Amino acid sequence: MNNIDMNQLKTNYMNEKMTGEQVAKLQTSIEKAKKKNHSSSNVVKFAVPFAAAIALFIAVPNVSMQAAETLSSVPILGKLVEAVTFRDYKVETETKLADIEVPEVVVTDTTETEVITEDTPTPEAEKLEETVVEINSEIDTLTQKYISEFEANMEAEGYQELIINHETIQTNERYFTLKLTCYEAAASGVEWNYYFTIDLATGERLALKELFIGNADYITPISENIKSQMAEQMAADENIIYWLDDPEMPEWNFNTITEDTEFFLNDTGNIVISFNEGDVAPMYMGVCTFEIPDEIVKDIRK
């Protein structure tokens, strides 16, 4: 174990390479986003990590051509919102395994719709560029956190596994959603899901509250519906357990969602609330999701 060359492990990327045209296209898009980011005081805090990400891309151009294929392609204001695999990080020894895909959301010009040029940007297009920078910075921070923890434990005894992958789960004319899944295992495994949704009409990152009109109370009806679903599932299957109305451990009981609860929109447009392992149920229940029927919130949805 002491002879492991961490630098070599870090650079164990896939052999296939992106074409020069693909690299140039992706790099140009990132540079445009970076320039716009520097001109906006609202996103200055993201400039340094994003610049680091650009440096990494230039230093490590051998991103897999296959992995860098577009996972989604959504026209917006003469632009395409795309998710690609930015880089891979792989480690494999007798007791340690890491298989990590770091995604990157990019915006590129397209001739399929009216092209927005540098001279005629719209507020929505500029906001979209800023949002992409923000999301990529957050993804970079998350993945680097998991990688750093993994590397810190490389010399420790015992098995260790880290898997991070991504999936585009929503691509339509209004919304783009990227899901990042992080799985860690040692004595036992645990999974976290993170969702990044862009409102393509505004270019902004979508928050749960923005799906509802005015100051409507969406938290109460959604929370009560989730409780009902939990109770129904437990009544139908004794192997299903949620922390709900337990007098012996009231501090563990699920009471309500918050503005920051993870969510996404499914193919029918319904809201799906997502809880990571251990949030509302024992770990063996895994990630728990609850689709909120339209009739529960239709009177307050935008």
Protein backbone atom coordinates (compact mmCIF):
# COMPACT_ATOMS: atom_id res chain seq x y z
CA MET A 1 0.00 0.00 0.00
CA ASN A 2 2.90 2.37 0.81
CA ASN A 3 4.22 1.99 -2.71
CA ILE A 4 1.10 3.40 -4.36
CA ASP A 5 1.92 6.32 -6.66
CA MET A 6 -0.97 8.71 -6.07
CA ASN A 7 0.06 10.96 -8.96
CA GLN A 8 -0.13 8.03 -11.34
CA LEU A 9 -3.52 7.02 -9.96
CA LYS A 10 -4.80 10.54 -10.43
CA THR A 11 -3.90 10.51 -14.09
CA ASN A 12 -5.38 7.13 -14.90
CA TYR A 13 -7.82 8.48 -17.47
CA MET A 14 -9.51 6.71 -20.33
CA ASN A 15 -7.37 6.17 -23.42
CA GLU A 16 -9.67 7.61 -26.08
CA LYS A 17 -9.34 11.35 -26.67
CA MET A 18 -11.66 14.12 -27.71
CA THR A 19 -11.04 15.51 -31.17
CA GLY A 20 -9.38 18.90 -31.49
CA GLU A 21 -12.66 20.36 -32.68
CA GLN A 22 -14.49 19.04 -29.60
CA VAL A 23 -11.84 20.37 -27.23
CA ALA A 24 -11.87 23.80 -28.90
CA LYS A 25 -15.67 24.01 -28.83
CA LEU A 26 -15.90 23.10 -25.15
CA GLN A 27 -13.02 25.34 -24.13
CA THR A 28 -14.48 28.33 -26.04
CA SER A 29 -17.82 27.91 -24.29
CA ILE A 30 -16.15 27.78 -20.89
CA GLU A 31 -14.07 30.86 -21.64
CA LYS A 32 -17.22 32.80 -22.62
CA ALA A 33 -18.86 31.85 -19.34
CA LYS A 34 -15.74 32.84 -17.44
CA LYS A 35 -15.64 36.31 -19.07
CA LYS A 36 -19.28 36.97 -18.26
CA ASN A 37 -18.72 35.72 -14.72
CA HIS A 38 -15.95 38.24 -14.11
CA SER A 39 -18.29 41.08 -15.16
CA SER A 40 -20.94 40.19 -12.63
CA SER A 41 -20.46 41.04 -8.96
CA ASN A 42 -23.08 38.47 -8.02
CA VAL A 43 -20.90 35.55 -9.03
CA VAL A 44 -17.36 36.76 -8.32
CA LYS A 45 -16.89 34.08 -5.68
CA PHE A 46 -17.06 31.38 -8.36
CA ALA A 47 -14.30 32.81 -10.58
CA VAL A 48 -11.31 31.16 -8.88
CA PRO A 49 -12.61 27.56 -8.72
CA PHE A 50 -13.92 27.82 -12.27
CA ALA A 51 -10.55 29.09 -13.51
CA ALA A 52 -8.97 26.09 -11.80
CA ALA A 53 -11.37 23.81 -13.63
CA ILE A 54 -10.36 25.41 -16.95
CA ALA A 55 -6.69 24.88 -16.11
CA LEU A 56 -7.40 21.23 -15.37
CA PHE A 57 -9.12 20.80 -18.72
CA ILE A 58 -6.17 22.30 -20.58
CA ALA A 59 -3.65 20.25 -18.62
CA VAL A 60 -5.59 17.01 -19.04
CA PRO A 61 -7.06 16.99 -22.56
CA ASN A 62 -7.41 13.21 -22.78
CA VAL A 63 -11.04 13.16 -21.69
CA SER A 64 -12.75 10.17 -23.25
CA MET A 65 -14.40 11.03 -26.56
CA GLN A 66 -17.18 8.59 -25.80
CA ALA A 67 -17.69 9.93 -22.26
CA ALA A 68 -17.74 13.49 -23.55
CA GLU A 69 -20.62 12.85 -25.90
CA THR A 70 -23.61 15.04 -25.17
CA LEU A 71 -25.92 13.64 -22.52
CA SER A 72 -28.54 16.21 -23.28
CA SER A 73 -29.18 18.85 -25.91
CA VAL A 74 -31.70 21.55 -25.16
CA PRO A 75 -32.13 24.58 -27.47
CA ILE A 76 -32.51 27.88 -25.60
CA LEU A 77 -32.34 31.30 -27.15
CA GLY A 78 -29.96 30.13 -29.85
CA LYS A 79 -27.96 28.11 -27.33
CA LEU A 80 -27.50 24.48 -26.40
CA VAL A 81 -27.32 23.40 -22.76
CA GLU A 82 -25.22 20.25 -22.63
CA ALA A 83 -23.86 17.94 -19.93
CA VAL A 84 -20.58 16.21 -20.70
CA THR A 85 -18.08 14.17 -18.74
CA PHE A 86 -15.35 16.66 -17.93
CA ARG A 87 -12.81 14.18 -16.56
CA ASP A 88 -12.52 10.72 -15.03
CA TYR A 89 -10.74 9.80 -11.80
CA LYS A 90 -10.02 6.12 -11.24
CA VAL A 91 -8.21 4.15 -8.53
CA GLU A 92 -8.16 0.40 -8.15
CA THR A 93 -6.13 -1.64 -5.66
CA GLU A 94 -6.91 -4.76 -3.65
CA THR A 95 -8.79 -2.75 -1.03
CA LYS A 96 -9.47 0.65 -2.60
CA LEU A 97 -11.74 1.50 -5.51
CA ALA A 98 -12.67 4.88 -6.94
CA ASP A 99 -14.62 5.36 -10.16
CA ILE A 100 -15.54 9.00 -10.60
CA GLU A 101 -17.05 10.88 -13.52
CA VAL A 102 -16.89 14.64 -13.06
CA PRO A 103 -19.61 16.27 -15.17
CA GLU A 104 -19.55 19.72 -16.70
CA VAL A 105 -22.57 21.71 -17.86
CA VAL A 106 -21.73 23.83 -20.92
CA VAL A 107 -23.54 26.29 -23.16
CA THR A 108 -22.71 26.38 -26.86
CA ASP A 109 -24.04 28.25 -29.88
CA THR A 110 -26.29 26.41 -32.31
CA THR A 111 -27.55 27.19 -35.79
CA GLU A 112 -30.77 25.29 -35.21
CA THR A 113 -32.37 28.40 -33.72
CA GLU A 114 -31.58 32.10 -33.79
CA VAL A 115 -27.98 32.50 -32.63
CA ILE A 116 -27.31 35.03 -29.88
CA THR A 117 -23.97 36.69 -30.60
CA GLU A 118 -21.55 38.42 -28.27
CA ASP A 119 -22.93 41.77 -29.50
CA THR A 120 -26.57 40.98 -28.80
CA PRO A 121 -26.81 38.97 -25.59
CA THR A 122 -30.14 38.84 -23.82
CA PRO A 123 -30.49 39.03 -20.03
CA GLU A 124 -31.68 35.41 -20.07
CA ALA A 125 -28.66 34.25 -22.06
CA GLU A 126 -26.26 36.12 -19.76
CA LYS A 127 -27.97 34.67 -16.71
CA LEU A 128 -27.73 31.19 -18.20
CA GLU A 129 -23.96 31.58 -18.56
CA GLU A 130 -23.71 32.68 -14.91
CA THR A 131 -25.89 29.80 -13.74
CA VAL A 132 -23.73 27.26 -15.55
CA VAL A 133 -20.61 28.68 -13.90
CA GLU A 134 -22.30 28.44 -10.49
CA ILE A 135 -23.42 24.84 -11.01
CA ASN A 136 -20.03 23.73 -12.31
CA SER A 137 -18.31 25.33 -9.35
CA GLU A 138 -20.62 23.51 -6.95
CA ILE A 139 -20.06 20.19 -8.74
CA ASP A 140 -16.30 20.73 -8.63
CA THR A 141 -16.43 21.49 -4.91
CA LEU A 142 -18.57 18.43 -4.16
CA THR A 143 -16.49 15.98 -6.18
CA GLN A 144 -13.20 17.35 -4.89
CA LYS A 145 -14.46 16.99 -1.32
CA TYR A 146 -15.20 13.30 -1.85
CA ILE A 147 -11.90 12.72 -3.66
CA SER A 148 -9.91 14.44 -0.91
CA GLU A 149 -11.58 12.31 1.76
CA PHE A 150 -10.88 9.17 -0.28
CA GLU A 151 -7.21 10.06 -0.73
CA ALA A 152 -6.83 10.88 2.97
CA ASN A 153 -7.87 7.32 3.80
CA MET A 154 -5.77 5.56 1.15
CA GLU A 155 -3.24 4.32 3.71
CA ALA A 156 -5.88 3.17 6.18
CA GLU A 157 -6.63 -0.51 6.54
CA GLY A 158 -9.87 -1.96 5.25
CA TYR A 159 -11.96 -1.66 2.13
CA GLN A 160 -12.93 1.72 0.72
CA GLU A 161 -15.06 2.52 -2.31
CA LEU A 162 -16.10 5.79 -3.93
CA ILE A 163 -18.30 6.00 -7.01
CA ILE A 164 -19.60 9.25 -8.50
CA ASN A 165 -21.62 9.36 -11.69
CA HIS A 166 -24.18 11.60 -13.32
CA GLU A 167 -27.33 11.45 -15.38
CA THR A 168 -29.42 13.99 -17.23
CA ILE A 169 -32.93 13.21 -16.01
CA GLN A 170 -34.85 16.08 -17.59
CA THR A 171 -34.42 17.74 -20.95
CA ASN A 172 -37.35 19.58 -22.45
CA GLU A 173 -38.11 23.05 -23.80
CA ARG A 174 -38.46 24.46 -20.28
CA TYR A 175 -36.16 22.57 -17.88
CA PHE A 176 -32.75 20.93 -17.78
CA THR A 177 -31.90 18.72 -14.78
CA LEU A 178 -28.60 17.03 -14.01
CA LYS A 179 -28.40 14.41 -11.26
CA LEU A 180 -25.12 13.76 -9.46
CA THR A 181 -24.92 10.50 -7.49
CA CYS A 182 -22.20 9.94 -4.89
CA TYR A 183 -21.75 6.51 -3.29
CA GLU A 184 -19.28 5.72 -0.50
CA ALA A 185 -18.65 2.34 1.07
CA ALA A 186 -16.44 1.04 3.86
CA ALA A 187 -18.05 -1.21 6.46
CA SER A 188 -21.35 -0.21 4.85
CA GLY A 189 -22.42 1.94 1.92
CA VAL A 190 -24.23 5.26 1.73
CA GLU A 191 -25.54 7.22 -1.25
CA TRP A 192 -26.26 10.91 -1.78
CA ASN A 193 -28.09 12.44 -4.74
CA TYR A 194 -27.78 16.06 -5.83
CA TYR A 195 -30.02 17.71 -8.43
CA PHE A 196 -29.20 20.77 -10.55
CA THR A 197 -32.15 22.20 -12.47
CA ILE A 198 -32.03 25.17 -14.86
CA ASP A 199 -35.15 27.07 -15.85
CA LEU A 200 -34.51 27.52 -19.56
CA ALA A 201 -37.03 30.36 -19.82
CA THR A 202 -35.05 32.56 -17.45
CA GLY A 203 -31.58 30.99 -17.46
CA GLU A 204 -31.72 30.73 -13.67
CA ARG A 205 -31.18 27.79 -11.39
CA LEU A 206 -34.59 26.56 -10.29
CA ALA A 207 -35.49 26.59 -6.60
CA LEU A 208 -38.45 24.63 -5.26
CA LYS A 209 -40.31 27.76 -4.17
CA GLU A 210 -40.12 29.18 -7.69
CA LEU A 211 -42.56 26.54 -8.92
CA PHE A 212 -45.36 28.20 -6.96
CA ILE A 213 -47.30 31.43 -7.16
CA GLY A 214 -46.57 34.35 -4.86
CA ASN A 215 -46.10 33.44 -1.22
CA ALA A 216 -48.15 30.27 -1.44
CA ASP A 217 -47.58 27.70 1.31
CA TYR A 218 -46.27 24.73 -0.65
CA ILE A 219 -44.33 23.18 2.23
CA THR A 220 -47.40 22.08 4.20
CA PRO A 221 -49.34 20.23 1.46
CA ILE A 222 -46.20 18.53 0.14
CA SER A 223 -45.10 17.48 3.61
CA GLU A 224 -48.54 16.11 4.51
CA ASN A 225 -48.71 14.18 1.24
CA ILE A 226 -45.31 12.62 1.91
CA LYS A 227 -46.47 11.55 5.37
CA SER A 228 -49.54 9.95 3.82
CA GLN A 229 -47.42 8.09 1.28
CA MET A 230 -45.10 6.87 4.04
CA ALA A 231 -48.01 5.57 6.11
CA GLU A 232 -49.57 3.82 3.11
CA GLN A 233 -46.32 2.14 2.13
CA MET A 234 -45.64 0.90 5.67
CA ALA A 235 -49.20 -0.46 5.96
CA ALA A 236 -48.78 -2.37 2.70
CA ASP A 237 -45.31 -3.80 3.39
CA GLU A 238 -43.87 -4.64 6.80
CA ASN A 239 -40.34 -4.38 5.41
CA ILE A 240 -40.80 -0.69 4.64
CA ILE A 241 -39.98 1.59 7.54
CA TYR A 242 -39.99 5.36 7.76
CA TRP A 243 -39.36 7.49 10.79
CA LEU A 244 -42.92 8.69 11.21
CA ASP A 245 -44.97 9.28 14.38
CA ASP A 246 -42.61 7.21 16.54
CA PRO A 247 -43.20 8.22 20.18
CA GLU A 248 -40.00 6.51 21.33
CA MET A 249 -37.75 8.52 18.99
CA PRO A 250 -39.65 11.72 18.17
CA GLU A 251 -36.45 13.58 17.22
CA TRP A 252 -36.03 11.22 14.26
CA ASN A 253 -39.56 11.62 12.92
CA PHE A 254 -40.10 13.27 9.57
CA ASN A 255 -42.08 16.46 10.06
CA THR A 256 -41.63 18.72 7.07
CA ILE A 257 -39.60 19.46 4.00
CA THR A 258 -37.66 22.72 3.74
CA GLU A 259 -36.89 25.19 0.96
CA ASP A 260 -33.59 23.35 0.47
CA THR A 261 -34.96 19.81 0.22
CA GLU A 262 -33.68 18.07 -2.92
CA PHE A 263 -36.22 17.77 -5.73
CA PHE A 264 -36.63 17.30 -9.47
CA LEU A 265 -39.42 17.32 -12.02
CA ASN A 266 -40.29 14.03 -13.72
CA ASP A 267 -41.45 13.46 -17.30
CA THR A 268 -45.04 14.31 -16.42
CA GLY A 269 -44.04 17.58 -14.77
CA ASN A 270 -44.80 16.35 -11.25
CA ILE A 271 -42.52 17.33 -8.38
CA VAL A 272 -40.44 14.49 -6.95
CA ILE A 273 -38.98 15.02 -3.48
CA SER A 274 -35.73 13.14 -2.81
CA PHE A 275 -34.26 12.20 0.58
CA ASN A 276 -30.77 10.77 0.92
CA GLU A 277 -30.04 7.60 2.84
CA GLY A 278 -30.75 8.00 6.53
CA ASP A 279 -32.72 11.23 6.19
CA VAL A 280 -36.23 9.84 6.74
CA ALA A 281 -35.71 6.08 7.05
CA PRO A 282 -33.15 3.45 8.08
CA MET A 283 -30.10 3.25 5.84
CA TYR A 284 -31.21 -0.01 4.21
CA MET A 285 -34.12 1.86 2.63
CA GLY A 286 -31.65 3.74 0.45
CA VAL A 287 -32.53 7.01 -1.26
CA CYS A 288 -36.25 7.67 -0.76
CA THR A 289 -38.26 9.57 -3.36
CA PHE A 290 -41.88 10.70 -3.31
CA GLU A 291 -43.77 11.89 -6.37
CA ILE A 292 -46.25 14.59 -5.42
CA PRO A 293 -49.55 14.16 -7.32
CA ASP A 294 -50.57 17.18 -9.38
CA GLU A 295 -53.86 17.60 -7.51
CA ILE A 296 -51.97 18.26 -4.27
CA VAL A 297 -50.37 21.48 -5.55
CA LYS A 298 -52.20 22.36 -8.78
CA ASP A 299 -53.94 25.35 -7.22
CA ILE A 300 -50.65 26.96 -6.26
CA ARG A 301 -48.37 25.88 -9.13
CA LYS A 302 -47.35 28.53 -11.62
